[in-house]
């Protein structure tokens, strides 16, 4: 995060805060207001900093019943495979946040 302070005329200043392509301009502030704003923005930036992302637990479908008849083994395999693919997908989404 980059802070740029421009002194417009005593005792006022303008502050521009930029990160990547985003920027915020403060308008006219006195020195005390500028320091308070800078402290708040630093605190917010610390809150947004990357943290260790947790590993996702795999969902356990448990026992699947065969009460409905039909090709139960195929459906059970299908559901387990879909759950496995969903887990891999969401785990990769979490890892991309790191």
PDB file of N, CA and C in Angstrom:
ATOM      1  N   UNK A   1       0.850  -1.157   0.000  1.00  0.00           N
ATOM      2  CA  UNK A   1       0.000   0.000   0.000  1.00  0.00           C
ATOM      3  C   UNK A   1       0.903   1.230   0.000  1.00  0.00           C
ATOM      4  N   UNK A   2       0.577   2.170  -0.848  1.00  0.00           N
ATOM      5  CA  UNK A   2       1.391   3.374  -1.002  1.00  0.00           C
ATOM      6  C   UNK A   2       0.592   4.596  -0.550  1.00  0.00           C
ATOM      7  N   UNK A   3       1.191   5.404   0.339  1.00  0.00           N
ATOM      8  CA  UNK A   3       0.594   6.641   0.808  1.00  0.00           C
ATOM      9  C   UNK A   3       1.322   7.806   0.149  1.00  0.00           C
ATOM     10  N   UNK A   4       0.580   8.737  -0.380  1.00  0.00           N
ATOM     11  CA  UNK A   4       1.156   9.941  -0.960  1.00  0.00           C
ATOM     12  C   UNK A   4       0.457  11.136  -0.317  1.00  0.00           C
ATOM     13  N   UNK A   5       1.242  11.960   0.397  1.00  0.00           N
ATOM     14  CA  UNK A   5       0.673  13.117   1.076  1.00  0.00           C
ATOM     15  C   UNK A   5       1.158  14.368   0.361  1.00  0.00           C
ATOM     16  N   UNK A   6       0.210  15.236   0.026  1.00  0.00           N
ATOM     17  CA  UNK A   6       0.541  16.480  -0.658  1.00  0.00           C
ATOM     18  C   UNK A   6       0.069  17.633   0.207  1.00  0.00           C
ATOM     19  N   UNK A   7       0.972  18.505   0.518  1.00  0.00           N
ATOM     20  CA  UNK A   7       0.638  19.674   1.338  1.00  0.00           C
ATOM     21  C   UNK A   7       0.070  20.766   0.433  1.00  0.00           C
ATOM     22  N   UNK A   8      -1.203  21.067   0.665  1.00  0.00           N
ATOM     23  CA  UNK A   8      -1.905  22.041  -0.163  1.00  0.00           C
ATOM     24  C   UNK A   8      -1.611  23.451   0.332  1.00  0.00           C
ATOM     25  N   UNK A   9      -1.619  23.650   1.575  1.00  0.00           N
ATOM     26  CA  UNK A   9      -1.378  24.936   2.223  1.00  0.00           C
ATOM     27  C   UNK A   9      -1.576  24.745   3.704  1.00  0.00           C
ATOM     28  N   UNK A  10      -0.719  25.369   4.466  1.00  0.00           N
ATOM     29  CA  UNK A  10      -0.750  25.160   5.909  1.00  0.00           C
ATOM     30  C   UNK A  10      -2.141  25.419   6.443  1.00  0.00           C
ATOM     31  N   UNK A  11      -2.735  24.631   7.295  1.00  0.00           N
ATOM     32  CA  UNK A  11      -2.276  23.355   7.826  1.00  0.00           C
ATOM     33  C   UNK A  11      -2.894  22.165   7.101  1.00  0.00           C
ATOM     34  N   UNK A  12      -3.369  22.344   5.880  1.00  0.00           N
ATOM     35  CA  UNK A  12      -4.108  21.289   5.192  1.00  0.00           C
ATOM     36  C   UNK A  12      -3.224  20.464   4.273  1.00  0.00           C
ATOM     37  N   UNK A  13      -3.647  19.240   4.067  1.00  0.00           N
ATOM     38  CA  UNK A  13      -2.954  18.345   3.147  1.00  0.00           C
ATOM     39  C   UNK A  13      -3.969  17.402   2.525  1.00  0.00           C
ATOM     40  N   UNK A  14      -3.597  16.835   1.418  1.00  0.00           N
ATOM     41  CA  UNK A  14      -4.405  15.817   0.760  1.00  0.00           C
ATOM     42  C   UNK A  14      -3.636  14.510   0.826  1.00  0.00           C
ATOM     43  N   UNK A  15      -4.367  13.421   0.940  1.00  0.00           N
ATOM     44  CA  UNK A  15      -3.726  12.120   1.002  1.00  0.00           C
ATOM     45  C   UNK A  15      -4.291  11.236  -0.100  1.00  0.00           C
ATOM     46  N   UNK A  16      -3.411  10.528  -0.793  1.00  0.00           N
ATOM     47  CA  UNK A  16      -3.820   9.535  -1.776  1.00  0.00           C
ATOM     48  C   UNK A  16      -3.253   8.199  -1.332  1.00  0.00           C
ATOM     49  N   UNK A  17      -4.100   7.209  -1.282  1.00  0.00           N
ATOM     50  CA  UNK A  17      -3.686   5.863  -0.909  1.00  0.00           C
ATOM     51  C   UNK A  17      -3.940   4.978  -2.113  1.00  0.00           C
ATOM     52  N   UNK A  18      -2.921   4.227  -2.532  1.00  0.00           N
ATOM     53  CA  UNK A  18      -3.113   3.373  -3.709  1.00  0.00           C
ATOM     54  C   UNK A  18      -2.558   1.982  -3.469  1.00  0.00           C
ATOM     55  N   UNK A  19      -3.209   1.039  -4.084  1.00  0.00           N
ATOM     56  CA  UNK A  19      -2.800  -0.372  -4.044  1.00  0.00           C
ATOM     57  C   UNK A  19      -3.185  -0.954  -5.381  1.00  0.00           C
ATOM     58  N   UNK A  20      -2.193  -1.360  -6.162  1.00  0.00           N
ATOM     59  CA  UNK A  20      -2.465  -1.880  -7.490  1.00  0.00           C
ATOM     60  C   UNK A  20      -3.130  -0.809  -8.335  1.00  0.00           C
ATOM     61  N   UNK A  21      -4.288  -1.128  -8.907  1.00  0.00           N
ATOM     62  CA  UNK A  21      -5.009  -0.182  -9.758  1.00  0.00           C
ATOM     63  C   UNK A  21      -6.018   0.674  -9.000  1.00  0.00           C
ATOM     64  N   UNK A  22      -6.180   0.445  -7.700  1.00  0.00           N
ATOM     65  CA  UNK A  22      -7.176   1.173  -6.920  1.00  0.00           C
ATOM     66  C   UNK A  22      -6.513   2.302  -6.146  1.00  0.00           C
ATOM     67  N   UNK A  23      -7.220   3.414  -6.024  1.00  0.00           N
ATOM     68  CA  UNK A  23      -6.701   4.509  -5.208  1.00  0.00           C
ATOM     69  C   UNK A  23      -7.854   5.251  -4.537  1.00  0.00           C
ATOM     70  N   UNK A  24      -7.531   5.874  -3.411  1.00  0.00           N
ATOM     71  CA  UNK A  24      -8.489   6.663  -2.645  1.00  0.00           C
ATOM     72  C   UNK A  24      -7.854   8.023  -2.403  1.00  0.00           C
ATOM     73  N   UNK A  25      -8.607   9.076  -2.679  1.00  0.00           N
ATOM     74  CA  UNK A  25      -8.136  10.426  -2.398  1.00  0.00           C
ATOM     75  C   UNK A  25      -8.968  10.992  -1.259  1.00  0.00           C
ATOM     76  N   UNK A  26      -8.305  11.622  -0.311  1.00  0.00           N
ATOM     77  CA  UNK A  26      -8.979  12.038   0.915  1.00  0.00           C
ATOM     78  C   UNK A  26      -9.668  13.386   0.844  1.00  0.00           C
ATOM     79  N   UNK A  27      -9.219  14.286   0.010  1.00  0.00           N
ATOM     80  CA  UNK A  27      -9.691  15.667   0.092  1.00  0.00           C
ATOM     81  C   UNK A  27      -8.829  16.406   1.099  1.00  0.00           C
ATOM     82  N   UNK A  28      -9.261  17.563   1.532  1.00  0.00           N
ATOM     83  CA  UNK A  28      -8.456  18.376   2.454  1.00  0.00           C
ATOM     84  C   UNK A  28      -8.580  17.853   3.887  1.00  0.00           C
ATOM     85  N   UNK A  29      -7.433  17.618   4.513  1.00  0.00           N
ATOM     86  CA  UNK A  29      -7.374  17.159   5.900  1.00  0.00           C
ATOM     87  C   UNK A  29      -6.339  17.981   6.652  1.00  0.00           C
ATOM     88  N   UNK A  30      -6.579  18.178   7.952  1.00  0.00           N
ATOM     89  CA  UNK A  30      -5.503  18.758   8.740  1.00  0.00           C
ATOM     90  C   UNK A  30      -4.573  17.615   9.143  1.00  0.00           C
ATOM     91  N   UNK A  31      -3.452  17.932   9.749  1.00  0.00           N
ATOM     92  CA  UNK A  31      -2.433  16.916  10.028  1.00  0.00           C
ATOM     93  C   UNK A  31      -2.966  15.808  10.929  1.00  0.00           C
ATOM     94  N   UNK A  32      -3.724  16.159  11.941  1.00  0.00           N
ATOM     95  CA  UNK A  32      -4.274  15.157  12.857  1.00  0.00           C
ATOM     96  C   UNK A  32      -5.231  14.206  12.126  1.00  0.00           C
ATOM     97  N   UNK A  33      -6.084  14.755  11.286  1.00  0.00           N
ATOM     98  CA  UNK A  33      -7.019  13.926  10.510  1.00  0.00           C
ATOM     99  C   UNK A  33      -6.267  13.010   9.555  1.00  0.00           C
ATOM    100  N   UNK A  34      -5.214  13.534   8.925  1.00  0.00           N
ATOM    101  CA  UNK A  34      -4.429  12.725   7.988  1.00  0.00           C
ATOM    102  C   UNK A  34      -3.742  11.570   8.705  1.00  0.00           C
ATOM    103  N   UNK A  35      -3.202  11.838   9.889  1.00  0.00           N
ATOM    104  CA  UNK A  35      -2.540  10.767  10.642  1.00  0.00           C
ATOM    105  C   UNK A  35      -3.548   9.713  11.093  1.00  0.00           C
ATOM    106  N   UNK A  36      -4.713  10.140  11.526  1.00  0.00           N
ATOM    107  CA  UNK A  36      -5.747   9.187  11.948  1.00  0.00           C
ATOM    108  C   UNK A  36      -6.210   8.338  10.768  1.00  0.00           C
ATOM    109  N   UNK A  37      -6.386   8.967   9.602  1.00  0.00           N
ATOM    110  CA  UNK A  37      -6.808   8.226   8.412  1.00  0.00           C
ATOM    111  C   UNK A  37      -5.737   7.224   7.990  1.00  0.00           C
ATOM    112  N   UNK A  38      -4.477   7.633   8.043  1.00  0.00           N
ATOM    113  CA  UNK A  38      -3.389   6.721   7.676  1.00  0.00           C
ATOM    114  C   UNK A  38      -3.350   5.520   8.616  1.00  0.00           C
ATOM    115  N   UNK A  39      -3.545   5.743   9.912  1.00  0.00           N
ATOM    116  CA  UNK A  39      -3.549   4.638  10.878  1.00  0.00           C
ATOM    117  C   UNK A  39      -4.695   3.675  10.597  1.00  0.00           C
ATOM    118  N   UNK A  40      -5.876   4.212  10.297  1.00  0.00           N
ATOM    119  CA  UNK A  40      -7.029   3.362   9.988  1.00  0.00           C
ATOM    120  C   UNK A  40      -6.793   2.546   8.719  1.00  0.00           C
ATOM    121  N   UNK A  41      -6.228   3.167   7.703  1.00  0.00           N
ATOM    122  CA  UNK A  41      -5.976   2.457   6.449  1.00  0.00           C
ATOM    123  C   UNK A  41      -4.909   1.375   6.620  1.00  0.00           C
ATOM    124  N   UNK A  42      -3.881   1.655   7.417  1.00  0.00           N
ATOM    125  CA  UNK A  42      -2.867   0.619   7.683  1.00  0.00           C
ATOM    126  C   UNK A  42      -3.494  -0.567   8.410  1.00  0.00           C
ATOM    127  N   UNK A  43      -4.360  -0.271   9.375  1.00  0.00           N
ATOM    128  CA  UNK A  43      -5.048  -1.330  10.115  1.00  0.00           C
ATOM    129  C   UNK A  43      -5.937  -2.163   9.187  1.00  0.00           C
ATOM    130  N   UNK A  44      -6.649  -1.487   8.288  1.00  0.00           N
ATOM    131  CA  UNK A  44      -7.506  -2.207   7.325  1.00  0.00           C
ATOM    132  C   UNK A  44      -6.662  -3.060   6.391  1.00  0.00           C
ATOM    133  N   UNK A  45      -5.509  -2.541   5.964  1.00  0.00           N
ATOM    134  CA  UNK A  45      -4.638  -3.306   5.074  1.00  0.00           C
ATOM    135  C   UNK A  45      -4.113  -4.548   5.783  1.00  0.00           C
ATOM    136  N   UNK A  46      -3.795  -4.421   7.065  1.00  0.00           N
ATOM    137  CA  UNK A  46      -3.337  -5.587   7.831  1.00  0.00           C
ATOM    138  C   UNK A  46      -4.435  -6.638   7.926  1.00  0.00           C
ATOM    139  N   UNK A  47      -5.684  -6.201   8.088  1.00  0.00           N
ATOM    140  CA  UNK A  47      -6.810  -7.134   8.155  1.00  0.00           C
ATOM    141  C   UNK A  47      -7.004  -7.878   6.841  1.00  0.00           C
ATOM    142  N   UNK A  48      -6.651  -7.233   5.726  1.00  0.00           N
ATOM    143  CA  UNK A  48      -6.851  -7.839   4.408  1.00  0.00           C
ATOM    144  C   UNK A  48      -5.652  -8.657   3.936  1.00  0.00           C
ATOM    145  N   UNK A  49      -4.577  -8.647   4.700  1.00  0.00           N
ATOM    146  CA  UNK A  49      -3.381  -9.358   4.256  1.00  0.00           C
ATOM    147  C   UNK A  49      -3.640 -10.867   4.246  1.00  0.00           C
ATOM    148  N   UNK A  50      -2.982 -11.594   3.328  1.00  0.00           N
ATOM    149  CA  UNK A  50      -3.221 -13.030   3.216  1.00  0.00           C
ATOM    150  C   UNK A  50      -2.894 -13.772   4.506  1.00  0.00           C
ATOM    151  N   UNK A  51      -3.706 -14.731   4.805  1.00  0.00           N
ATOM    152  CA  UNK A  51      -3.495 -15.579   5.978  1.00  0.00           C
ATOM    153  C   UNK A  51      -3.441 -17.021   5.518  1.00  0.00           C
ATOM    154  N   UNK A  52      -3.014 -17.856   6.392  1.00  0.00           N
ATOM    155  CA  UNK A  52      -2.970 -19.282   6.071  1.00  0.00           C
ATOM    156  C   UNK A  52      -4.400 -19.783   5.915  1.00  0.00           C
ATOM    157  N   UNK A  53      -4.683 -20.412   4.782  1.00  0.00           N
ATOM    158  CA  UNK A  53      -6.033 -20.926   4.555  1.00  0.00           C
ATOM    159  C   UNK A  53      -6.126 -22.359   5.061  1.00  0.00           C
ATOM    160  N   UNK A  54      -7.238 -22.702   5.661  1.00  0.00           N
ATOM    161  CA  UNK A  54      -7.378 -24.044   6.233  1.00  0.00           C
ATOM    162  C   UNK A  54      -7.601 -25.106   5.156  1.00  0.00           C
ATOM    163  N   UNK A  55      -7.239 -26.313   5.480  1.00  0.00           N
ATOM    164  CA  UNK A  55      -7.538 -27.453   4.612  1.00  0.00           C
ATOM    165  C   UNK A  55      -9.003 -27.821   4.824  1.00  0.00           C
ATOM    166  N   UNK A  56      -9.700 -28.132   3.760  1.00  0.00           N
ATOM    167  CA  UNK A  56     -11.095 -28.541   3.865  1.00  0.00           C
ATOM    168  C   UNK A  56     -11.185 -30.025   4.193  1.00  0.00           C
ATOM    169  N   UNK A  57     -12.095 -30.370   5.084  1.00  0.00           N
ATOM    170  CA  UNK A  57     -12.359 -31.776   5.358  1.00  0.00           C
ATOM    171  C   UNK A  57     -13.212 -32.327   4.230  1.00  0.00           C
ATOM    172  N   UNK A  58     -12.981 -33.582   3.893  1.00  0.00           N
ATOM    173  CA  UNK A  58     -13.811 -34.204   2.857  1.00  0.00           C
ATOM    174  C   UNK A  58     -15.153 -34.602   3.463  1.00  0.00           C
ATOM    175  N   UNK A  59     -16.207 -34.378   2.705  1.00  0.00           N
ATOM    176  CA  UNK A  59     -17.545 -34.752   3.144  1.00  0.00           C
ATOM    177  C   UNK A  59     -17.688 -36.259   3.055  1.00  0.00           C
ATOM    178  N   UNK A  60     -18.232 -36.855   4.112  1.00  0.00           N
ATOM    179  CA  UNK A  60     -18.452 -38.299   4.133  1.00  0.00           C
ATOM    180  C   UNK A  60     -19.937 -38.549   3.908  1.00  0.00           C
ATOM    181  N   UNK A  61     -20.266 -39.151   2.780  1.00  0.00           N
ATOM    182  CA  UNK A  61     -21.668 -39.417   2.465  1.00  0.00           C
ATOM    183  C   UNK A  61     -22.256 -40.521   3.339  1.00  0.00           C
ATOM    184  N   UNK A  62     -21.409 -41.234   4.032  1.00  0.00           N
ATOM    185  CA  UNK A  62     -21.895 -42.295   4.912  1.00  0.00           C
ATOM    186  C   UNK A  62     -22.427 -43.477   4.111  1.00  0.00           C
ATOM    187  N   UNK A  63     -23.255 -44.281   4.753  1.00  0.00           N
ATOM    188  CA  UNK A  63     -23.828 -45.442   4.082  1.00  0.00           C
ATOM    189  C   UNK A  63     -24.938 -44.995   3.146  1.00  0.00           C
ATOM    190  N   UNK A  64     -24.908 -45.498   1.945  1.00  0.00           N
ATOM    191  CA  UNK A  64     -25.964 -45.195   0.980  1.00  0.00           C
ATOM    192  C   UNK A  64     -26.868 -46.413   0.880  1.00  0.00           C
ATOM    193  N   UNK A  65     -28.154 -46.184   0.958  1.00  0.00           N
ATOM    194  CA  UNK A  65     -29.131 -47.271   0.981  1.00  0.00           C
ATOM    195  C   UNK A  65     -29.398 -47.814  -0.420  1.00  0.00           C
ATOM    196  N   UNK A  66     -29.812 -49.058  -0.476  1.00  0.00           N
ATOM    197  CA  UNK A  66     -30.197 -49.669  -1.749  1.00  0.00           C
ATOM    198  C   UNK A  66     -31.710 -49.881  -1.814  1.00  0.00           C
ATOM    199  N   UNK A  67     -32.462 -49.155  -0.991  1.00  0.00           N
ATOM    200  CA  UNK A  67     -33.908 -49.367  -0.894  1.00  0.00           C
ATOM    201  C   UNK A  67     -34.648 -48.987  -2.172  1.00  0.00           C
ATOM    202  N   UNK A  68     -34.110 -48.088  -2.984  1.00  0.00           N
ATOM    203  CA  UNK A  68     -34.815 -47.622  -4.174  1.00  0.00           C
ATOM    204  C   UNK A  68     -34.755 -48.585  -5.343  1.00  0.00           C
ATOM    205  N   UNK A  69     -33.901 -49.589  -5.278  1.00  0.00           N
ATOM    206  CA  UNK A  69     -33.763 -50.532  -6.383  1.00  0.00           C
ATOM    207  C   UNK A  69     -32.969 -49.917  -7.521  1.00  0.00           C
ATOM    208  N   UNK A  70     -32.962 -50.561  -8.651  1.00  0.00           N
ATOM    209  CA  UNK A  70     -32.202 -50.060  -9.795  1.00  0.00           C
ATOM    210  C   UNK A  70     -30.717 -50.379  -9.640  1.00  0.00           C
ATOM    211  N   UNK A  71     -29.899 -49.681 -10.389  1.00  0.00           N
ATOM    212  CA  UNK A  71     -28.460 -49.922 -10.382  1.00  0.00           C
ATOM    213  C   UNK A  71     -27.827 -49.092  -9.253  1.00  0.00           C
ATOM    214  N   UNK A  72     -28.024 -49.565  -8.030  1.00  0.00           N
ATOM    215  CA  UNK A  72     -27.601 -48.831  -6.842  1.00  0.00           C
ATOM    216  C   UNK A  72     -26.086 -48.645  -6.813  1.00  0.00           C
ATOM    217  N   UNK A  73     -25.338 -49.673  -7.162  1.00  0.00           N
ATOM    218  CA  UNK A  73     -23.876 -49.573  -7.127  1.00  0.00           C
ATOM    219  C   UNK A  73     -23.384 -48.443  -8.030  1.00  0.00           C
ATOM    220  N   UNK A  74     -23.995 -48.305  -9.217  1.00  0.00           N
ATOM    221  CA  UNK A  74     -23.579 -47.244 -10.134  1.00  0.00           C
ATOM    222  C   UNK A  74     -23.836 -45.869  -9.510  1.00  0.00           C
ATOM    223  N   UNK A  75     -25.021 -45.668  -8.918  1.00  0.00           N
ATOM    224  CA  UNK A  75     -25.360 -44.389  -8.311  1.00  0.00           C
ATOM    225  C   UNK A  75     -24.461 -44.078  -7.116  1.00  0.00           C
ATOM    226  N   UNK A  76     -24.172 -45.088  -6.316  1.00  0.00           N
ATOM    227  CA  UNK A  76     -23.278 -44.855  -5.183  1.00  0.00           C
ATOM    228  C   UNK A  76     -21.890 -44.433  -5.664  1.00  0.00           C
ATOM    229  N   UNK A  77     -21.378 -45.108  -6.672  1.00  0.00           N
ATOM    230  CA  UNK A  77     -20.072 -44.740  -7.228  1.00  0.00           C
ATOM    231  C   UNK A  77     -20.110 -43.335  -7.811  1.00  0.00           C
ATOM    232  N   UNK A  78     -21.203 -43.021  -8.505  1.00  0.00           N
ATOM    233  CA  UNK A  78     -21.356 -41.710  -9.117  1.00  0.00           C
ATOM    234  C   UNK A  78     -21.347 -40.604  -8.049  1.00  0.00           C
ATOM    235  N   UNK A  79     -22.142 -40.796  -6.998  1.00  0.00           N
ATOM    236  CA  UNK A  79     -22.205 -39.791  -5.936  1.00  0.00           C
ATOM    237  C   UNK A  79     -20.857 -39.607  -5.253  1.00  0.00           C
ATOM    238  N   UNK A  80     -20.166 -40.694  -4.973  1.00  0.00           N
ATOM    239  CA  UNK A  80     -18.853 -40.590  -4.332  1.00  0.00           C
ATOM    240  C   UNK A  80     -17.856 -39.865  -5.237  1.00  0.00           C
ATOM    241  N   UNK A  81     -17.913 -40.154  -6.538  1.00  0.00           N
ATOM    242  CA  UNK A  81     -17.000 -39.491  -7.480  1.00  0.00           C
ATOM    243  C   UNK A  81     -17.298 -37.993  -7.560  1.00  0.00           C
ATOM    244  N   UNK A  82     -18.593 -37.635  -7.588  1.00  0.00           N
ATOM    245  CA  UNK A  82     -18.959 -36.213  -7.631  1.00  0.00           C
ATOM    246  C   UNK A  82     -18.528 -35.490  -6.359  1.00  0.00           C
ATOM    247  N   UNK A  83     -18.706 -36.123  -5.225  1.00  0.00           N
ATOM    248  CA  UNK A  83     -18.265 -35.512  -3.968  1.00  0.00           C
ATOM    249  C   UNK A  83     -16.753 -35.323  -3.958  1.00  0.00           C
ATOM    250  N   UNK A  84     -16.030 -36.298  -4.486  1.00  0.00           N
ATOM    251  CA  UNK A  84     -14.573 -36.177  -4.567  1.00  0.00           C
ATOM    252  C   UNK A  84     -14.153 -35.030  -5.476  1.00  0.00           C
ATOM    253  N   UNK A  85     -14.813 -34.909  -6.639  1.00  0.00           N
ATOM    254  CA  UNK A  85     -14.495 -33.805  -7.555  1.00  0.00           C
ATOM    255  C   UNK A  85     -14.843 -32.452  -6.933  1.00  0.00           C
ATOM    256  N   UNK A  86     -15.968 -32.386  -6.214  1.00  0.00           N
ATOM    257  CA  UNK A  86     -16.359 -31.132  -5.556  1.00  0.00           C
ATOM    258  C   UNK A  86     -15.321 -30.748  -4.505  1.00  0.00           C
ATOM    259  N   UNK A  87     -14.854 -31.727  -3.741  1.00  0.00           N
ATOM    260  CA  UNK A  87     -13.839 -31.436  -2.725  1.00  0.00           C
ATOM    261  C   UNK A  87     -12.561 -30.903  -3.375  1.00  0.00           C
ATOM    262  N   UNK A  88     -12.115 -31.539  -4.434  1.00  0.00           N
ATOM    263  CA  UNK A  88     -10.901 -31.082  -5.122  1.00  0.00           C
ATOM    264  C   UNK A  88     -11.077 -29.672  -5.671  1.00  0.00           C
ATOM    265  N   UNK A  89     -12.255 -29.388  -6.219  1.00  0.00           N
ATOM    266  CA  UNK A  89     -12.522 -28.066  -6.770  1.00  0.00           C
ATOM    267  C   UNK A  89     -12.451 -26.999  -5.685  1.00  0.00           C
ATOM    268  N   UNK A  90     -13.172 -27.212  -4.576  1.00  0.00           N
ATOM    269  CA  UNK A  90     -13.193 -26.190  -3.532  1.00  0.00           C
ATOM    270  C   UNK A  90     -11.848 -26.074  -2.830  1.00  0.00           C
ATOM    271  N   UNK A  91     -11.119 -27.169  -2.733  1.00  0.00           N
ATOM    272  CA  UNK A  91      -9.771 -27.096  -2.146  1.00  0.00           C
ATOM    273  C   UNK A  91      -8.872 -26.261  -3.056  1.00  0.00           C
ATOM    274  N   UNK A  92      -8.983 -26.422  -4.377  1.00  0.00           N
ATOM    275  CA  UNK A  92      -8.167 -25.625  -5.286  1.00  0.00           C
ATOM    276  C   UNK A  92      -8.553 -24.147  -5.214  1.00  0.00           C
ATOM    277  N   UNK A  93      -9.835 -23.853  -4.973  1.00  0.00           N
ATOM    278  CA  UNK A  93     -10.265 -22.464  -4.806  1.00  0.00           C
ATOM    279  C   UNK A  93      -9.631 -21.857  -3.556  1.00  0.00           C
ATOM    280  N   UNK A  94      -9.574 -22.627  -2.487  1.00  0.00           N
ATOM    281  CA  UNK A  94      -8.952 -22.145  -1.257  1.00  0.00           C
ATOM    282  C   UNK A  94      -7.457 -21.907  -1.478  1.00  0.00           C
ATOM    283  N   UNK A  95      -6.807 -22.817  -2.200  1.00  0.00           N
ATOM    284  CA  UNK A  95      -5.372 -22.676  -2.418  1.00  0.00           C
ATOM    285  C   UNK A  95      -5.056 -21.469  -3.301  1.00  0.00           C
ATOM    286  N   UNK A  96      -5.963 -21.114  -4.204  1.00  0.00           N
ATOM    287  CA  UNK A  96      -5.709 -19.950  -5.065  1.00  0.00           C
ATOM    288  C   UNK A  96      -5.788 -18.644  -4.263  1.00  0.00           C
ATOM    289  N   UNK A  97      -6.408 -18.677  -3.089  1.00  0.00           N
ATOM    290  CA  UNK A  97      -6.485 -17.498  -2.222  1.00  0.00           C
ATOM    291  C   UNK A  97      -5.192 -17.259  -1.462  1.00  0.00           C
ATOM    292  N   UNK A  98      -4.336 -18.248  -1.426  1.00  0.00           N
ATOM    293  CA  UNK A  98      -3.087 -18.112  -0.652  1.00  0.00           C
ATOM    294  C   UNK A  98      -2.129 -17.198  -1.311  1.00  0.00           C
TER     295      UNK A  98
END
